[in-house]
Amino acid sequence: LVGVDPVDVGWSLASSRAGLEHRAVVLGDHAAGVRAVASGGLSAGVVSGAVVGGKTVFVFPGQGSQWLGMAAGLLESSPVFAAR
């Protein structure tokens, strides 16, 4: 994928692809990983899995000052969140 902007690829993956049951991520510039995913094999730098049923979850780890007040709006607007 020489000359392809990674931001454009990310946008396309997030906004226009089908939500398929099986997923894979190839880390970095890793052509062997892409070939492995295409063939159903294994390779270093590849993470794969399948979708499982359930609800969406948001995680608020509370680490660092960058998270100060990050859930304040949710705390005020969601009684379920506030109760937990």
PDB file of N, CA and C in Angstrom:
ATOM      1  N   LEU A   1       0.825  -1.195   0.000  1.00  0.00           N
ATOM      2  CA  LEU A   1       0.000   0.000   0.000  1.00  0.00           C
ATOM      3  C   LEU A   1       0.863   1.251   0.000  1.00  0.00           C
ATOM      4  N   VAL A   2       1.797   1.306  -0.885  1.00  0.00           N
ATOM      5  CA  VAL A   2       2.686   2.454  -0.982  1.00  0.00           C
ATOM      6  C   VAL A   2       1.889   3.657  -1.482  1.00  0.00           C
ATOM      7  N   GLY A   3       2.081   4.790  -0.836  1.00  0.00           N
ATOM      8  CA  GLY A   3       1.411   6.018  -1.245  1.00  0.00           C
ATOM      9  C   GLY A   3      -0.011   6.163  -0.727  1.00  0.00           C
ATOM     10  N   VAL A   4      -0.445   5.269   0.136  1.00  0.00           N
ATOM     11  CA  VAL A   4      -1.793   5.342   0.710  1.00  0.00           C
ATOM     12  C   VAL A   4      -1.694   5.985   2.085  1.00  0.00           C
ATOM     13  N   ASP A   5      -2.518   6.999   2.315  1.00  0.00           N
ATOM     14  CA  ASP A   5      -2.524   7.705   3.595  1.00  0.00           C
ATOM     15  C   ASP A   5      -3.199   6.841   4.658  1.00  0.00           C
ATOM     16  N   PRO A   6      -2.493   6.500   5.754  1.00  0.00           N
ATOM     17  CA  PRO A   6      -3.091   5.674   6.812  1.00  0.00           C
ATOM     18  C   PRO A   6      -4.370   6.271   7.393  1.00  0.00           C
ATOM     19  N   VAL A   7      -4.467   7.591   7.431  1.00  0.00           N
ATOM     20  CA  VAL A   7      -5.679   8.230   7.948  1.00  0.00           C
ATOM     21  C   VAL A   7      -6.864   7.910   7.034  1.00  0.00           C
ATOM     22  N   ASP A   8      -6.641   7.938   5.715  1.00  0.00           N
ATOM     23  CA  ASP A   8      -7.705   7.603   4.767  1.00  0.00           C
ATOM     24  C   ASP A   8      -8.122   6.140   4.908  1.00  0.00           C
ATOM     25  N   VAL A   9      -7.148   5.266   5.100  1.00  0.00           N
ATOM     26  CA  VAL A   9      -7.454   3.846   5.291  1.00  0.00           C
ATOM     27  C   VAL A   9      -8.286   3.666   6.557  1.00  0.00           C
ATOM     28  N   GLY A  10      -7.869   4.301   7.656  1.00  0.00           N
ATOM     29  CA  GLY A  10      -8.615   4.210   8.908  1.00  0.00           C
ATOM     30  C   GLY A  10     -10.037   4.713   8.769  1.00  0.00           C
ATOM     31  N   TRP A  11     -10.202   5.848   8.092  1.00  0.00           N
ATOM     32  CA  TRP A  11     -11.544   6.401   7.877  1.00  0.00           C
ATOM     33  C   TRP A  11     -12.407   5.416   7.099  1.00  0.00           C
ATOM     34  N   SER A  12     -11.849   4.843   6.045  1.00  0.00           N
ATOM     35  CA  SER A  12     -12.610   3.897   5.232  1.00  0.00           C
ATOM     36  C   SER A  12     -12.992   2.658   6.037  1.00  0.00           C
ATOM     37  N   LEU A  13     -12.061   2.160   6.846  1.00  0.00           N
ATOM     38  CA  LEU A  13     -12.354   0.987   7.663  1.00  0.00           C
ATOM     39  C   LEU A  13     -13.448   1.269   8.688  1.00  0.00           C
ATOM     40  N   ALA A  14     -13.421   2.464   9.253  1.00  0.00           N
ATOM     41  CA  ALA A  14     -14.386   2.802  10.306  1.00  0.00           C
ATOM     42  C   ALA A  14     -15.755   3.176   9.758  1.00  0.00           C
ATOM     43  N   SER A  15     -15.814   3.704   8.533  1.00  0.00           N
ATOM     44  CA  SER A  15     -17.077   4.266   8.072  1.00  0.00           C
ATOM     45  C   SER A  15     -17.746   3.533   6.913  1.00  0.00           C
ATOM     46  N   SER A  16     -17.035   2.667   6.218  1.00  0.00           N
ATOM     47  CA  SER A  16     -17.653   2.121   5.015  1.00  0.00           C
ATOM     48  C   SER A  16     -17.586   0.600   4.869  1.00  0.00           C
ATOM     49  N   ARG A  17     -16.963  -0.073   5.793  1.00  0.00           N
ATOM     50  CA  ARG A  17     -16.857  -1.523   5.631  1.00  0.00           C
ATOM     51  C   ARG A  17     -18.006  -2.234   6.323  1.00  0.00           C
ATOM     52  N   ALA A  18     -18.249  -3.462   5.921  1.00  0.00           N
ATOM     53  CA  ALA A  18     -19.306  -4.270   6.527  1.00  0.00           C
ATOM     54  C   ALA A  18     -18.868  -4.722   7.922  1.00  0.00           C
ATOM     55  N   GLY A  19     -19.819  -4.838   8.827  1.00  0.00           N
ATOM     56  CA  GLY A  19     -19.529  -5.318  10.176  1.00  0.00           C
ATOM     57  C   GLY A  19     -19.504  -6.840  10.199  1.00  0.00           C
ATOM     58  N   LEU A  20     -18.416  -7.426   9.773  1.00  0.00           N
ATOM     59  CA  LEU A  20     -18.318  -8.880   9.661  1.00  0.00           C
ATOM     60  C   LEU A  20     -18.050  -9.537  11.015  1.00  0.00           C
ATOM     61  N   GLU A  21     -18.324 -10.830  11.095  1.00  0.00           N
ATOM     62  CA  GLU A  21     -18.186 -11.563  12.352  1.00  0.00           C
ATOM     63  C   GLU A  21     -16.732 -11.740  12.774  1.00  0.00           C
ATOM     64  N   HIS A  22     -15.845 -12.001  11.832  1.00  0.00           N
ATOM     65  CA  HIS A  22     -14.433 -12.227  12.154  1.00  0.00           C
ATOM     66  C   HIS A  22     -13.636 -10.960  11.885  1.00  0.00           C
ATOM     67  N   ARG A  23     -12.697 -10.643  12.785  1.00  0.00           N
ATOM     68  CA  ARG A  23     -11.911  -9.410  12.682  1.00  0.00           C
ATOM     69  C   ARG A  23     -10.435  -9.735  12.827  1.00  0.00           C
ATOM     70  N   ALA A  24      -9.586  -8.899  12.231  1.00  0.00           N
ATOM     71  CA  ALA A  24      -8.142  -9.051  12.383  1.00  0.00           C
ATOM     72  C   ALA A  24      -7.496  -7.679  12.305  1.00  0.00           C
ATOM     73  N   VAL A  25      -6.400  -7.535  13.020  1.00  0.00           N
ATOM     74  CA  VAL A  25      -5.616  -6.310  13.013  1.00  0.00           C
ATOM     75  C   VAL A  25      -4.180  -6.703  12.721  1.00  0.00           C
ATOM     76  N   VAL A  26      -3.575  -6.001  11.777  1.00  0.00           N
ATOM     77  CA  VAL A  26      -2.159  -6.210  11.464  1.00  0.00           C
ATOM     78  C   VAL A  26      -1.422  -4.984  11.967  1.00  0.00           C
ATOM     79  N   LEU A  27      -0.477  -5.191  12.871  1.00  0.00           N
ATOM     80  CA  LEU A  27       0.247  -4.090  13.491  1.00  0.00           C
ATOM     81  C   LEU A  27       1.439  -3.673  12.638  1.00  0.00           C
ATOM     82  N   GLY A  28       1.514  -2.380  12.338  1.00  0.00           N
ATOM     83  CA  GLY A  28       2.670  -1.838  11.627  1.00  0.00           C
ATOM     84  C   GLY A  28       2.680  -2.154  10.147  1.00  0.00           C
ATOM     85  N   ASP A  29       3.810  -1.912   9.535  1.00  0.00           N
ATOM     86  CA  ASP A  29       4.029  -2.163   8.113  1.00  0.00           C
ATOM     87  C   ASP A  29       4.415  -3.630   7.971  1.00  0.00           C
ATOM     88  N   HIS A  30       3.432  -4.489   7.839  1.00  0.00           N
ATOM     89  CA  HIS A  30       3.652  -5.909   8.015  1.00  0.00           C
ATOM     90  C   HIS A  30       2.963  -6.698   6.893  1.00  0.00           C
ATOM     91  N   ALA A  31       3.570  -6.715   5.697  1.00  0.00           N
ATOM     92  CA  ALA A  31       2.966  -7.383   4.550  1.00  0.00           C
ATOM     93  C   ALA A  31       2.740  -8.868   4.811  1.00  0.00           C
ATOM     94  N   ALA A  32       3.653  -9.516   5.551  1.00  0.00           N
ATOM     95  CA  ALA A  32       3.486 -10.934   5.868  1.00  0.00           C
ATOM     96  C   ALA A  32       2.232 -11.148   6.713  1.00  0.00           C
ATOM     97  N   GLY A  33       1.925 -10.202   7.587  1.00  0.00           N
ATOM     98  CA  GLY A  33       0.725 -10.303   8.405  1.00  0.00           C
ATOM     99  C   GLY A  33      -0.535 -10.213   7.571  1.00  0.00           C
ATOM    100  N   VAL A  34      -0.539  -9.332   6.593  1.00  0.00           N
ATOM    101  CA  VAL A  34      -1.703  -9.203   5.706  1.00  0.00           C
ATOM    102  C   VAL A  34      -1.897 -10.499   4.917  1.00  0.00           C
ATOM    103  N   ARG A  35      -0.795 -11.061   4.427  1.00  0.00           N
ATOM    104  CA  ARG A  35      -0.886 -12.334   3.700  1.00  0.00           C
ATOM    105  C   ARG A  35      -1.410 -13.447   4.613  1.00  0.00           C
ATOM    106  N   ALA A  36      -0.971 -13.456   5.863  1.00  0.00           N
ATOM    107  CA  ALA A  36      -1.427 -14.480   6.810  1.00  0.00           C
ATOM    108  C   ALA A  36      -2.921 -14.354   7.059  1.00  0.00           C
ATOM    109  N   VAL A  37      -3.409 -13.141   7.253  1.00  0.00           N
ATOM    110  CA  VAL A  37      -4.841 -12.939   7.479  1.00  0.00           C
ATOM    111  C   VAL A  37      -5.624 -13.401   6.254  1.00  0.00           C
ATOM    112  N   ALA A  38      -5.151 -13.044   5.063  1.00  0.00           N
ATOM    113  CA  ALA A  38      -5.848 -13.407   3.827  1.00  0.00           C
ATOM    114  C   ALA A  38      -5.927 -14.919   3.641  1.00  0.00           C
ATOM    115  N   SER A  39      -4.908 -15.629   4.106  1.00  0.00           N
ATOM    116  CA  SER A  39      -4.879 -17.078   3.916  1.00  0.00           C
ATOM    117  C   SER A  39      -5.433 -17.850   5.119  1.00  0.00           C
ATOM    118  N   GLY A  40      -5.775 -17.129   6.190  1.00  0.00           N
ATOM    119  CA  GLY A  40      -6.287 -17.787   7.386  1.00  0.00           C
ATOM    120  C   GLY A  40      -5.203 -18.335   8.289  1.00  0.00           C
ATOM    121  N   GLY A  41      -3.946 -17.931   8.049  1.00  0.00           N
ATOM    122  CA  GLY A  41      -2.825 -18.415   8.846  1.00  0.00           C
ATOM    123  C   GLY A  41      -2.503 -17.509  10.017  1.00  0.00           C
ATOM    124  N   LEU A  42      -1.387 -17.788  10.671  1.00  0.00           N
ATOM    125  CA  LEU A  42      -0.915 -17.012  11.814  1.00  0.00           C
ATOM    126  C   LEU A  42       0.364 -16.285  11.452  1.00  0.00           C
ATOM    127  N   SER A  43       0.610 -15.163  12.106  1.00  0.00           N
ATOM    128  CA  SER A  43       1.840 -14.417  11.885  1.00  0.00           C
ATOM    129  C   SER A  43       2.063 -13.488  13.068  1.00  0.00           C
ATOM    130  N   ALA A  44       3.326 -13.171  13.336  1.00  0.00           N
ATOM    131  CA  ALA A  44       3.643 -12.195  14.379  1.00  0.00           C
ATOM    132  C   ALA A  44       3.043 -10.845  13.975  1.00  0.00           C
ATOM    133  N   GLY A  45       2.582 -10.086  14.941  1.00  0.00           N
ATOM    134  CA  GLY A  45       2.018  -8.772  14.658  1.00  0.00           C
ATOM    135  C   GLY A  45       0.587  -8.809  14.166  1.00  0.00           C
ATOM    136  N   VAL A  46      -0.078  -9.954  14.295  1.00  0.00           N
ATOM    137  CA  VAL A  46      -1.469 -10.082  13.871  1.00  0.00           C
ATOM    138  C   VAL A  46      -2.317 -10.471  15.075  1.00  0.00           C
ATOM    139  N   VAL A  47      -3.408  -9.754  15.260  1.00  0.00           N
ATOM    140  CA  VAL A  47      -4.372 -10.068  16.309  1.00  0.00           C
ATOM    141  C   VAL A  47      -5.693 -10.352  15.609  1.00  0.00           C
ATOM    142  N   SER A  48      -6.330 -11.465  15.934  1.00  0.00           N
ATOM    143  CA  SER A  48      -7.598 -11.790  15.297  1.00  0.00           C
ATOM    144  C   SER A  48      -8.577 -12.331  16.330  1.00  0.00           C
ATOM    145  N   GLY A  49      -9.841 -12.301  15.967  1.00  0.00           N
ATOM    146  CA  GLY A  49     -10.870 -12.799  16.862  1.00  0.00           C
ATOM    147  C   GLY A  49     -12.214 -12.775  16.184  1.00  0.00           C
ATOM    148  N   ALA A  50     -13.242 -13.083  16.943  1.00  0.00           N
ATOM    149  CA  ALA A  50     -14.609 -13.099  16.431  1.00  0.00           C
ATOM    150  C   ALA A  50     -15.495 -12.262  17.341  1.00  0.00           C
ATOM    151  N   VAL A  51     -16.520 -11.712  16.762  1.00  0.00           N
ATOM    152  CA  VAL A  51     -17.472 -10.891  17.496  1.00  0.00           C
ATOM    153  C   VAL A  51     -18.255 -11.784  18.453  1.00  0.00           C
ATOM    154  N   VAL A  52     -18.465 -11.295  19.658  1.00  0.00           N
ATOM    155  CA  VAL A  52     -19.301 -12.002  20.625  1.00  0.00           C
ATOM    156  C   VAL A  52     -20.501 -11.121  20.941  1.00  0.00           C
ATOM    157  N   GLY A  53     -21.597 -11.739  21.297  1.00  0.00           N
ATOM    158  CA  GLY A  53     -22.794 -10.982  21.617  1.00  0.00           C
ATOM    159  C   GLY A  53     -22.628 -10.189  22.897  1.00  0.00           C
ATOM    160  N   GLY A  54     -23.460  -9.220  23.068  1.00  0.00           N
ATOM    161  CA  GLY A  54     -23.413  -8.422  24.288  1.00  0.00           C
ATOM    162  C   GLY A  54     -23.685  -6.967  23.995  1.00  0.00           C
ATOM    163  N   LYS A  55     -23.554  -6.171  25.016  1.00  0.00           N
ATOM    164  CA  LYS A  55     -23.814  -4.746  24.893  1.00  0.00           C
ATOM    165  C   LYS A  55     -22.500  -3.980  24.838  1.00  0.00           C
ATOM    166  N   THR A  56     -22.568  -2.765  24.378  1.00  0.00           N
ATOM    167  CA  THR A  56     -21.407  -1.891  24.328  1.00  0.00           C
ATOM    168  C   THR A  56     -21.035  -1.475  25.745  1.00  0.00           C
ATOM    169  N   VAL A  57     -19.744  -1.410  26.010  1.00  0.00           N
ATOM    170  CA  VAL A  57     -19.276  -0.988  27.318  1.00  0.00           C
ATOM    171  C   VAL A  57     -18.275   0.145  27.144  1.00  0.00           C
ATOM    172  N   PHE A  58     -18.320   1.099  28.022  1.00  0.00           N
ATOM    173  CA  PHE A  58     -17.352   2.188  28.032  1.00  0.00           C
ATOM    174  C   PHE A  58     -16.496   2.030  29.283  1.00  0.00           C
ATOM    175  N   VAL A  59     -15.197   2.140  29.135  1.00  0.00           N
ATOM    176  CA  VAL A  59     -14.285   1.936  30.252  1.00  0.00           C
ATOM    177  C   VAL A  59     -13.661   3.270  30.630  1.00  0.00           C
ATOM    178  N   PHE A  60     -13.747   3.623  31.890  1.00  0.00           N
ATOM    179  CA  PHE A  60     -13.150   4.838  32.419  1.00  0.00           C
ATOM    180  C   PHE A  60     -12.101   4.429  33.445  1.00  0.00           C
ATOM    181  N   PRO A  61     -10.841   4.277  33.033  1.00  0.00           N
ATOM    182  CA  PRO A  61      -9.830   3.742  33.932  1.00  0.00           C
ATOM    183  C   PRO A  61      -9.429   4.684  35.062  1.00  0.00           C
ATOM    184  N   GLY A  62      -9.675   5.974  34.912  1.00  0.00           N
ATOM    185  CA  GLY A  62      -9.330   6.914  35.972  1.00  0.00           C
ATOM    186  C   GLY A  62      -7.843   7.085  36.171  1.00  0.00           C
ATOM    187  N   GLN A  63      -7.078   6.939  35.113  1.00  0.00           N
ATOM    188  CA  GLN A  63      -5.625   7.070  35.208  1.00  0.00           C
ATOM    189  C   GLN A  63      -5.187   8.434  34.665  1.00  0.00           C
ATOM    190  N   GLY A  64      -4.487   9.172  35.460  1.00  0.00           N
ATOM    191  CA  GLY A  64      -3.864  10.399  34.990  1.00  0.00           C
ATOM    192  C   GLY A  64      -4.773  11.612  34.992  1.00  0.00           C
ATOM    193  N   SER A  65      -4.163  12.760  34.986  1.00  0.00           N
ATOM    194  CA  SER A  65      -4.910  14.014  35.047  1.00  0.00           C
ATOM    195  C   SER A  65      -5.675  14.305  33.764  1.00  0.00           C
ATOM    196  N   GLN A  66      -5.308  13.664  32.646  1.00  0.00           N
ATOM    197  CA  GLN A  66      -6.030  13.900  31.402  1.00  0.00           C
ATOM    198  C   GLN A  66      -7.466  13.405  31.473  1.00  0.00           C
ATOM    199  N   TRP A  67      -7.786  12.601  32.468  1.00  0.00           N
ATOM    200  CA  TRP A  67      -9.127  12.049  32.602  1.00  0.00           C
ATOM    201  C   TRP A  67      -9.978  12.808  33.622  1.00  0.00           C
ATOM    202  N   LEU A  68      -9.452  13.864  34.222  1.00  0.00           N
ATOM    203  CA  LEU A  68     -10.171  14.611  35.243  1.00  0.00           C
ATOM    204  C   LEU A  68     -11.535  15.073  34.721  1.00  0.00           C
ATOM    205  N   GLY A  69     -12.588  14.650  35.353  1.00  0.00           N
ATOM    206  CA  GLY A  69     -13.936  15.072  34.994  1.00  0.00           C
ATOM    207  C   GLY A  69     -14.490  14.443  33.729  1.00  0.00           C
ATOM    208  N   MET A  70     -13.819  13.418  33.192  1.00  0.00           N
ATOM    209  CA  MET A  70     -14.222  12.889  31.895  1.00  0.00           C
ATOM    210  C   MET A  70     -15.615  12.256  31.895  1.00  0.00           C
ATOM    211  N   ALA A  71     -16.114  11.802  33.016  1.00  0.00           N
ATOM    212  CA  ALA A  71     -17.433  11.164  33.051  1.00  0.00           C
ATOM    213  C   ALA A  71     -18.465  12.026  33.757  1.00  0.00           C
ATOM    214  N   ALA A  72     -18.146  13.287  33.981  1.00  0.00           N
ATOM    215  CA  ALA A  72     -19.055  14.153  34.736  1.00  0.00           C
ATOM    216  C   ALA A  72     -20.420  14.277  34.060  1.00  0.00           C
ATOM    217  N   GLY A  73     -20.440  14.461  32.748  1.00  0.00           N
ATOM    218  CA  GLY A  73     -21.709  14.573  32.026  1.00  0.00           C
ATOM    219  C   GLY A  73     -22.521  13.299  32.098  1.00  0.00           C
ATOM    220  N   LEU A  74     -21.846  12.159  31.967  1.00  0.00           N
ATOM    221  CA  LEU A  74     -22.519  10.872  32.053  1.00  0.00           C
ATOM    222  C   LEU A  74     -23.042  10.636  33.466  1.00  0.00           C
ATOM    223  N   LEU A  75     -22.290  11.024  34.455  1.00  0.00           N
ATOM    224  CA  LEU A  75     -22.707  10.886  35.852  1.00  0.00           C
ATOM    225  C   LEU A  75     -23.995  11.665  36.113  1.00  0.00           C
ATOM    226  N   GLU A  76     -24.098  12.846  35.531  1.00  0.00           N
ATOM    227  CA  GLU A  76     -25.279  13.682  35.722  1.00  0.00           C
ATOM    228  C   GLU A  76     -26.488  13.200  34.910  1.00  0.00           C
ATOM    229  N   SER A  77     -26.250  12.623  33.728  1.00  0.00           N
ATOM    230  CA  SER A  77     -27.357  12.282  32.826  1.00  0.00           C
ATOM    231  C   SER A  77     -27.824  10.832  32.907  1.00  0.00           C
ATOM    232  N   SER A  78     -27.046   9.968  33.557  1.00  0.00           N
ATOM    233  CA  SER A  78     -27.405   8.545  33.585  1.00  0.00           C
ATOM    234  C   SER A  78     -27.529   8.038  35.026  1.00  0.00           C
ATOM    235  N   PRO A  79     -28.750   7.822  35.492  1.00  0.00           N
ATOM    236  CA  PRO A  79     -28.937   7.296  36.841  1.00  0.00           C
ATOM    237  C   PRO A  79     -28.271   5.925  37.029  1.00  0.00           C
ATOM    238  N   VAL A  80     -28.286   5.104  35.988  1.00  0.00           N
ATOM    239  CA  VAL A  80     -27.651   3.775  36.075  1.00  0.00           C
ATOM    240  C   VAL A  80     -26.160   3.923  36.289  1.00  0.00           C
ATOM    241  N   PHE A  81     -25.517   4.812  35.517  1.00  0.00           N
ATOM    242  CA  PHE A  81     -24.090   5.042  35.672  1.00  0.00           C
ATOM    243  C   PHE A  81     -23.791   5.608  37.057  1.00  0.00           C
ATOM    244  N   ALA A  82     -24.592   6.562  37.492  1.00  0.00           N
ATOM    245  CA  ALA A  82     -24.384   7.190  38.800  1.00  0.00           C
ATOM    246  C   ALA A  82     -24.531   6.168  39.933  1.00  0.00           C
ATOM    247  N   ALA A  83     -25.465   5.230  39.781  1.00  0.00           N
ATOM    248  CA  ALA A  83     -25.687   4.224  40.815  1.00  0.00           C
ATOM    249  C   ALA A  83     -24.513   3.244  40.918  1.00  0.00           C
ATOM    250  N   ARG A  84     -23.832   3.011  39.824  1.00  0.00           N
ATOM    251  CA  ARG A  84     -22.711   2.071  39.833  1.00  0.00           C
ATOM    252  C   ARG A  84     -21.471   2.730  40.373  1.00  0.00           C
TER     253      ARG A  84
END
